[in-house]
Amino acid sequence: MDTATHFVMGLGLAGLSFVDPVVASQPSLAGAVMIATVLASQAPDADTALRLKNNAVYIRNHRGITHSLPFLLLWPALITIVIGPLFGFTDLQALSHIALWSFIGVAVHVFSDLFNTYGTQAARPFTEKWIAWNIIHIFDPFIFGSHAAAIILWISGIVPPAPLFTILYICVAAYYVWRTVVHARITHHIKNKDMHHDPGDRYIVIPSISPTRWNVVKAKTDGSYNVGVLNGGRLEWFKHAVCSTHPAVEHSKSHPDVQAFLYFTSYAVAEVEELPSGYIVRWGDVRYLHRKQFPFVAVLAMDSEYHVLNTYVGWLSSEKLDERFAIDPGSMKL
């Protein structure tokens, strides 16, 4: 989920902690738990600091080890060690409650990220596979809005936190189940109704911010992709994407930016633009369709000897990429 949603979920878990009699009976402990759950809800995204180094390092590592199984325990331990003494708690009982709610905060963060398209490496150290269930958009209006409304009711004193947030999380859990069922039904429906389905074709149904709009990727057995949108029950295919076999593509794979990009995604295609002075190689992730473009890219400008002149990896529109690489705007469309 996005940073704002993780923040309100951290506050929501602080409200839910009032179902814990020990927390509810000690205002100072409740305050410590609130700080702990807010920190815990953000802690796995501490790897965002890797942006300061470069985008390639960030893309390769974001939602990686910081979302892994060992860190489900390490983050709560670190938070408890800091927050407990800071609020004057050194007894085992108080520290155990801070640790418990910190763990819940970290676990909810990682679990909710699994439902996005970006995914996480939550099963590390057993596997570095990216786990992405493609069920909830990175920003979901219902999840954010329901948390924001509950927090307002809480701080205004209209509704006590324990029953309020118990009901909220029952509703959120039901929402996750509903979205999971809808996702499964849509995937099954598209596969059965596609007249051009071949044995071995895989369908990836990807959420958007709208509950009625889904991006659809058909991964074909020949390595190509059909990319479209399901909107209001109507499926429209926009693009047939094929990875170029140009030598420049193979040379690009040795660059750290492209290696980071390909480490993260298994749904990449490359296109080559031949220029008088060399080549532009553009890798795009077909899962991310926005205005009929793939904004998550790795782009290399090469001379005729395949020496890299300029690179970019990350999120950028085609128009901005055209400006960055100073080429004809019509020549970089993937």
Protein backbone atom coordinates (compact mmCIF):
# COMPACT_ATOMS: atom_id res chain seq x y z
CA MET A 1 0.00 0.00 0.00
CA ASP A 2 1.03 3.63 -0.26
CA THR A 3 2.60 5.54 2.63
CA ALA A 4 -0.58 7.41 3.58
CA THR A 5 -2.60 4.19 3.80
CA HIS A 6 0.05 2.50 5.93
CA PHE A 7 -0.01 5.56 8.22
CA VAL A 8 -3.78 5.48 8.80
CA MET A 9 -3.61 1.73 9.28
CA GLY A 10 -0.98 2.30 11.96
CA LEU A 11 -3.33 4.69 13.73
CA GLY A 12 -6.19 2.22 13.22
CA LEU A 13 -4.23 -0.53 14.94
CA ALA A 14 -3.54 1.88 17.81
CA GLY A 15 -7.30 2.24 18.15
CA LEU A 16 -7.77 -1.52 17.93
CA SER A 17 -5.21 -2.00 20.71
CA PHE A 18 -7.85 -0.77 23.17
CA VAL A 19 -9.38 -4.27 22.99
CA ASP A 20 -6.28 -5.21 25.00
CA PRO A 21 -7.29 -4.61 28.67
CA VAL A 22 -3.73 -3.83 29.73
CA VAL A 23 -3.34 -1.16 27.07
CA ALA A 24 -6.81 0.29 27.66
CA SER A 25 -6.19 0.62 31.41
CA GLN A 26 -2.91 2.57 31.10
CA PRO A 27 -3.01 5.82 29.10
CA SER A 28 0.77 6.06 29.03
CA LEU A 29 1.04 2.53 27.65
CA ALA A 30 -1.67 3.30 25.11
CA GLY A 31 0.42 6.28 23.99
CA ALA A 32 3.51 4.09 23.66
CA VAL A 33 1.55 1.51 21.68
CA MET A 34 0.22 4.21 19.36
CA ILE A 35 3.74 5.39 18.51
CA ALA A 36 4.81 1.77 18.14
CA THR A 37 2.02 0.81 15.72
CA VAL A 38 2.57 3.92 13.60
CA LEU A 39 6.30 3.19 13.40
CA ALA A 40 5.63 -0.49 12.75
CA SER A 41 3.26 0.36 9.92
CA GLN A 42 6.06 2.31 8.20
CA ALA A 43 9.16 0.33 9.22
CA PRO A 44 9.23 -2.20 6.35
CA ASP A 45 9.41 0.70 3.89
CA ALA A 46 12.61 2.00 5.46
CA ASP A 47 14.31 0.72 2.31
CA THR A 48 12.88 3.77 0.53
CA ALA A 49 16.06 5.49 1.71
CA LEU A 50 17.87 3.52 -1.01
CA ARG A 51 16.51 6.09 -3.48
CA LEU A 52 19.27 8.36 -2.18
CA LYS A 53 21.80 6.02 -3.77
CA ASN A 54 20.08 5.44 -7.11
CA ASN A 55 16.84 4.13 -8.60
CA ALA A 56 18.34 0.80 -9.65
CA VAL A 57 19.36 -0.13 -6.10
CA TYR A 58 15.97 1.01 -4.81
CA ILE A 59 13.99 -1.01 -7.38
CA ARG A 60 16.05 -4.12 -6.79
CA ASN A 61 15.64 -3.99 -3.00
CA HIS A 62 12.35 -2.22 -2.25
CA ARG A 63 9.90 -4.55 -0.50
CA GLY A 64 12.67 -7.10 -0.37
CA ILE A 65 14.53 -8.10 2.80
CA THR A 66 12.80 -5.44 4.93
CA HIS A 67 9.51 -7.27 4.26
CA SER A 68 10.99 -10.73 4.87
CA LEU A 69 10.20 -13.29 7.55
CA PRO A 70 13.18 -12.43 9.80
CA PHE A 71 12.18 -8.76 9.78
CA LEU A 72 8.70 -9.65 11.01
CA LEU A 73 10.48 -10.19 14.33
CA LEU A 74 13.39 -7.78 13.97
CA TRP A 75 11.29 -4.65 13.39
CA PRO A 76 9.08 -5.19 16.49
CA ALA A 77 12.16 -5.92 18.59
CA LEU A 78 13.88 -2.71 17.49
CA ILE A 79 10.74 -0.63 17.99
CA THR A 80 10.14 -2.09 21.46
CA ILE A 81 13.75 -1.52 22.53
CA VAL A 82 13.42 2.16 21.57
CA ILE A 83 9.83 2.99 22.52
CA GLY A 84 9.65 1.11 25.86
CA PRO A 85 12.40 2.98 27.71
CA LEU A 86 11.45 6.23 25.96
CA PHE A 87 8.04 6.05 27.68
CA GLY A 88 9.55 4.78 30.93
CA PHE A 89 8.54 1.12 30.54
CA THR A 90 11.13 -1.46 31.55
CA ASP A 91 8.89 -4.16 33.01
CA LEU A 92 8.34 -7.28 30.93
CA GLN A 93 4.54 -7.01 30.88
CA ALA A 94 4.45 -3.53 29.33
CA LEU A 95 7.26 -4.33 26.90
CA SER A 96 5.49 -7.50 25.78
CA HIS A 97 2.36 -5.53 24.87
CA ILE A 98 4.37 -2.96 22.95
CA ALA A 99 6.14 -5.80 21.14
CA LEU A 100 2.85 -7.57 20.37
CA TRP A 101 1.21 -4.54 18.78
CA SER A 102 4.41 -3.66 16.97
CA PHE A 103 4.44 -7.15 15.50
CA ILE A 104 0.81 -6.78 14.43
CA GLY A 105 1.66 -3.46 12.77
CA VAL A 106 4.55 -4.95 10.79
CA ALA A 107 2.58 -8.08 9.88
CA VAL A 108 -0.40 -6.06 8.63
CA HIS A 109 1.94 -3.91 6.51
CA VAL A 110 3.60 -6.91 4.85
CA PHE A 111 0.35 -8.85 4.46
CA SER A 112 -1.47 -5.92 2.83
CA ASP A 113 1.45 -5.40 0.42
CA LEU A 114 1.07 -8.97 -0.81
CA PHE A 115 -2.32 -8.03 -2.28
CA ASN A 116 -0.80 -5.37 -4.56
CA THR A 117 0.70 -5.82 -8.01
CA TYR A 118 4.13 -4.64 -6.85
CA GLY A 119 4.36 -7.50 -4.38
CA THR A 120 7.05 -8.33 -1.81
CA GLN A 121 9.74 -10.89 -1.12
CA ALA A 122 7.92 -11.89 2.04
CA ALA A 123 9.11 -15.51 1.90
CA ARG A 124 12.80 -14.66 2.17
CA PRO A 125 15.16 -16.25 3.15
CA PHE A 126 13.50 -19.38 1.70
CA THR A 127 12.96 -17.81 -1.72
CA GLU A 128 13.56 -14.48 -3.44
CA LYS A 129 10.39 -14.85 -5.49
CA TRP A 130 8.24 -11.73 -5.70
CA ILE A 131 4.79 -12.51 -4.31
CA ALA A 132 2.06 -10.31 -5.76
CA TRP A 133 -1.59 -11.34 -5.65
CA ASN A 134 -2.92 -8.47 -7.82
CA ILE A 135 -6.10 -8.00 -5.79
CA ILE A 136 -5.93 -4.55 -4.15
CA HIS A 137 -4.65 -1.36 -5.78
CA ILE A 138 -1.70 0.30 -4.05
CA PHE A 139 -4.13 3.07 -3.02
CA ASP A 140 -7.60 1.78 -2.26
CA PRO A 141 -10.22 4.49 -1.54
CA PHE A 142 -12.31 2.20 0.66
CA ILE A 143 -9.41 1.11 2.87
CA PHE A 144 -8.03 4.62 3.26
CA GLY A 145 -11.43 6.31 3.58
CA SER A 146 -12.81 3.86 6.16
CA HIS A 147 -9.70 4.25 8.31
CA ALA A 148 -9.78 8.03 8.04
CA ALA A 149 -13.48 8.12 9.01
CA ALA A 150 -12.92 5.81 11.99
CA ILE A 151 -9.95 7.88 13.21
CA ILE A 152 -12.07 11.06 13.07
CA LEU A 153 -14.85 9.37 15.06
CA TRP A 154 -12.27 8.24 17.60
CA ILE A 155 -10.46 11.53 18.17
CA SER A 156 -13.76 13.42 18.29
CA GLY A 157 -14.90 11.14 21.12
CA ILE A 158 -18.08 10.13 19.34
CA VAL A 159 -17.35 6.38 19.42
CA PRO A 160 -15.05 4.46 21.82
CA PRO A 161 -12.02 2.98 20.02
CA ALA A 162 -12.40 -0.70 20.96
CA PRO A 163 -15.80 -1.39 19.35
CA LEU A 164 -15.17 1.14 16.56
CA PHE A 165 -11.96 -0.41 15.28
CA THR A 166 -13.15 -3.96 15.89
CA ILE A 167 -16.01 -3.28 13.49
CA LEU A 168 -13.66 -1.48 11.09
CA TYR A 169 -11.28 -4.41 10.80
CA ILE A 170 -14.09 -6.93 10.45
CA CYS A 171 -15.33 -4.83 7.52
CA VAL A 172 -11.84 -4.49 6.04
CA ALA A 173 -11.29 -8.25 6.32
CA ALA A 174 -14.63 -8.85 4.58
CA TYR A 175 -13.60 -6.37 1.88
CA TYR A 176 -10.36 -8.26 1.25
CA VAL A 177 -12.30 -11.52 0.96
CA TRP A 178 -14.79 -9.92 -1.44
CA ARG A 179 -12.05 -8.48 -3.65
CA THR A 180 -10.28 -11.85 -3.68
CA VAL A 181 -13.46 -13.62 -4.82
CA VAL A 182 -14.14 -10.96 -7.47
CA HIS A 183 -10.58 -11.22 -8.76
CA ALA A 184 -10.85 -15.00 -9.04
CA ARG A 185 -14.20 -14.81 -10.82
CA ILE A 186 -13.01 -12.19 -13.30
CA THR A 187 -9.87 -14.17 -14.09
CA HIS A 188 -11.92 -17.32 -14.67
CA HIS A 189 -14.49 -15.44 -16.77
CA ILE A 190 -11.89 -13.83 -19.04
CA LYS A 191 -10.12 -17.13 -19.62
CA ASN A 192 -13.35 -18.91 -20.54
CA LYS A 193 -14.71 -16.13 -22.77
CA ASP A 194 -11.52 -15.34 -24.70
CA MET A 195 -12.07 -16.81 -28.17
CA HIS A 196 -8.33 -16.64 -28.91
CA HIS A 197 -7.19 -18.53 -25.83
CA ASP A 198 -4.46 -21.09 -26.39
CA PRO A 199 -3.50 -23.86 -23.96
CA GLY A 200 -0.75 -22.52 -21.72
CA ASP A 201 -1.81 -18.85 -21.95
CA ARG A 202 -1.90 -17.17 -18.54
CA TYR A 203 -4.12 -14.27 -17.53
CA ILE A 204 -2.98 -11.65 -15.03
CA VAL A 205 -5.85 -9.47 -13.82
CA ILE A 206 -4.55 -6.30 -12.18
CA PRO A 207 -6.54 -3.88 -10.00
CA SER A 208 -6.90 -0.17 -10.65
CA ILE A 209 -8.08 2.57 -8.30
CA SER A 210 -11.62 1.95 -9.61
CA PRO A 211 -13.35 -1.23 -8.36
CA THR A 212 -14.92 -1.78 -11.80
CA ARG A 213 -11.76 -1.32 -13.88
CA TRP A 214 -9.03 -3.93 -14.18
CA ASN A 215 -5.93 -4.09 -16.36
CA VAL A 216 -5.54 -7.46 -18.06
CA VAL A 217 -2.36 -9.10 -19.31
CA LYS A 218 -2.43 -12.31 -21.32
CA ALA A 219 0.99 -13.96 -21.18
CA LYS A 220 1.22 -16.14 -24.26
CA THR A 221 3.28 -19.28 -24.63
CA ASP A 222 5.50 -17.64 -27.26
CA GLY A 223 6.69 -15.04 -24.72
CA SER A 224 4.55 -12.18 -26.04
CA TYR A 225 1.76 -10.38 -24.21
CA ASN A 226 -1.67 -9.02 -25.00
CA VAL A 227 -2.48 -6.03 -22.81
CA GLY A 228 -5.96 -4.60 -22.30
CA VAL A 229 -8.52 -3.15 -19.91
CA LEU A 230 -11.69 -4.62 -18.46
CA ASN A 231 -14.02 -1.72 -17.70
CA GLY A 232 -17.59 -2.25 -16.56
CA GLY A 233 -17.50 -5.83 -17.77
CA ARG A 234 -16.20 -4.94 -21.26
CA LEU A 235 -12.73 -6.16 -22.22
CA GLU A 236 -10.73 -4.17 -24.78
CA TRP A 237 -7.25 -5.23 -25.91
CA PHE A 238 -4.90 -2.31 -26.58
CA LYS A 239 -1.52 -3.78 -27.31
CA HIS A 240 0.33 -6.88 -28.43
CA ALA A 241 3.78 -6.57 -26.88
CA VAL A 242 6.73 -8.62 -28.10
CA CYS A 243 10.28 -8.49 -26.76
CA SER A 244 12.75 -7.48 -29.45
CA THR A 245 15.62 -9.86 -30.29
CA HIS A 246 17.86 -7.02 -31.51
CA PRO A 247 21.52 -7.35 -30.37
CA ALA A 248 21.16 -4.06 -28.49
CA VAL A 249 18.62 -5.75 -26.20
CA GLU A 250 21.10 -8.46 -25.28
CA HIS A 251 23.81 -5.89 -24.62
CA SER A 252 21.44 -3.88 -22.41
CA LYS A 253 20.97 -6.87 -20.09
CA SER A 254 24.50 -6.42 -18.76
CA HIS A 255 23.76 -2.92 -17.42
CA PRO A 256 22.92 -2.67 -13.67
CA ASP A 257 19.78 -0.61 -14.33
CA VAL A 258 18.30 -3.26 -16.61
CA GLN A 259 19.45 -6.07 -14.33
CA ALA A 260 17.62 -4.43 -11.43
CA PHE A 261 14.53 -4.00 -13.59
CA LEU A 262 14.54 -7.63 -14.75
CA TYR A 263 15.22 -8.86 -11.21
CA PHE A 264 12.03 -7.18 -10.10
CA THR A 265 9.68 -8.14 -12.95
CA SER A 266 8.97 -11.26 -14.98
CA TYR A 267 6.68 -9.32 -17.32
CA ALA A 268 9.17 -7.23 -19.26
CA VAL A 269 9.39 -6.54 -22.98
CA ALA A 270 11.98 -4.49 -24.83
CA GLU A 271 11.79 -2.32 -27.94
CA VAL A 272 14.71 -0.90 -29.87
CA GLU A 273 14.75 2.40 -31.74
CA GLU A 274 17.57 2.62 -34.25
CA LEU A 275 19.07 6.09 -34.58
CA PRO A 276 21.84 7.40 -36.87
CA SER A 277 24.22 7.49 -33.90
CA GLY A 278 23.14 4.32 -32.12
CA TYR A 279 20.15 2.81 -30.35
CA ILE A 280 17.52 3.47 -27.72
CA VAL A 281 16.50 0.33 -25.81
CA ARG A 282 13.33 0.67 -23.78
CA TRP A 283 12.22 -2.04 -21.38
CA GLY A 284 8.67 -1.81 -20.06
CA ASP A 285 6.69 -3.77 -17.48
CA VAL A 286 3.41 -4.75 -19.17
CA ARG A 287 1.57 -5.04 -15.86
CA TYR A 288 1.50 -1.28 -15.41
CA LEU A 289 -0.77 0.20 -18.06
CA HIS A 290 -1.59 3.90 -17.78
CA ARG A 291 -3.16 5.82 -20.64
CA LYS A 292 -2.11 3.04 -23.00
CA GLN A 293 1.53 3.45 -21.93
CA PHE A 294 3.88 1.47 -19.69
CA PRO A 295 5.32 4.06 -17.28
CA PHE A 296 7.55 1.65 -15.34
CA VAL A 297 10.63 1.40 -17.55
CA ALA A 298 14.36 0.89 -17.93
CA VAL A 299 15.79 2.87 -20.85
CA LEU A 300 19.33 2.89 -22.25
CA ALA A 301 20.80 5.09 -24.96
CA MET A 302 23.71 3.40 -26.75
CA ASP A 303 26.13 4.35 -29.46
CA SER A 304 26.67 2.15 -32.51
CA GLU A 305 29.19 0.06 -30.57
CA TYR A 306 26.66 -0.56 -27.77
CA HIS A 307 28.42 1.69 -25.29
CA VAL A 308 25.91 3.17 -22.85
CA LEU A 309 25.50 6.94 -23.12
CA ASN A 310 22.49 7.59 -20.91
CA THR A 311 20.16 5.55 -18.72
CA TYR A 312 16.99 5.77 -16.69
CA VAL A 313 15.10 3.25 -14.61
CA GLY A 314 11.89 3.95 -12.70
CA TRP A 315 8.50 5.53 -13.23
CA LEU A 316 8.25 8.11 -16.00
CA SER A 317 5.75 8.97 -18.72
CA SER A 318 6.63 8.59 -22.39
CA GLU A 319 6.60 12.36 -22.78
CA LYS A 320 9.13 12.87 -19.98
CA LEU A 321 11.31 10.10 -21.39
CA ASP A 322 11.22 11.77 -24.80
CA GLU A 323 12.47 14.96 -23.19
CA ARG A 324 15.12 13.14 -21.16
CA PHE A 325 16.54 11.32 -24.17
CA ALA A 326 15.85 14.14 -26.64
CA ILE A 327 14.42 12.02 -29.41
CA ASP A 328 11.44 12.18 -31.68
CA PRO A 329 8.32 11.84 -29.42
CA GLY A 330 6.73 9.42 -31.86
CA SER A 331 9.60 6.98 -31.83
CA MET A 332 9.57 5.79 -28.24
CA LYS A 333 6.06 4.36 -27.95
CA LEU A 334 6.20 0.86 -26.57
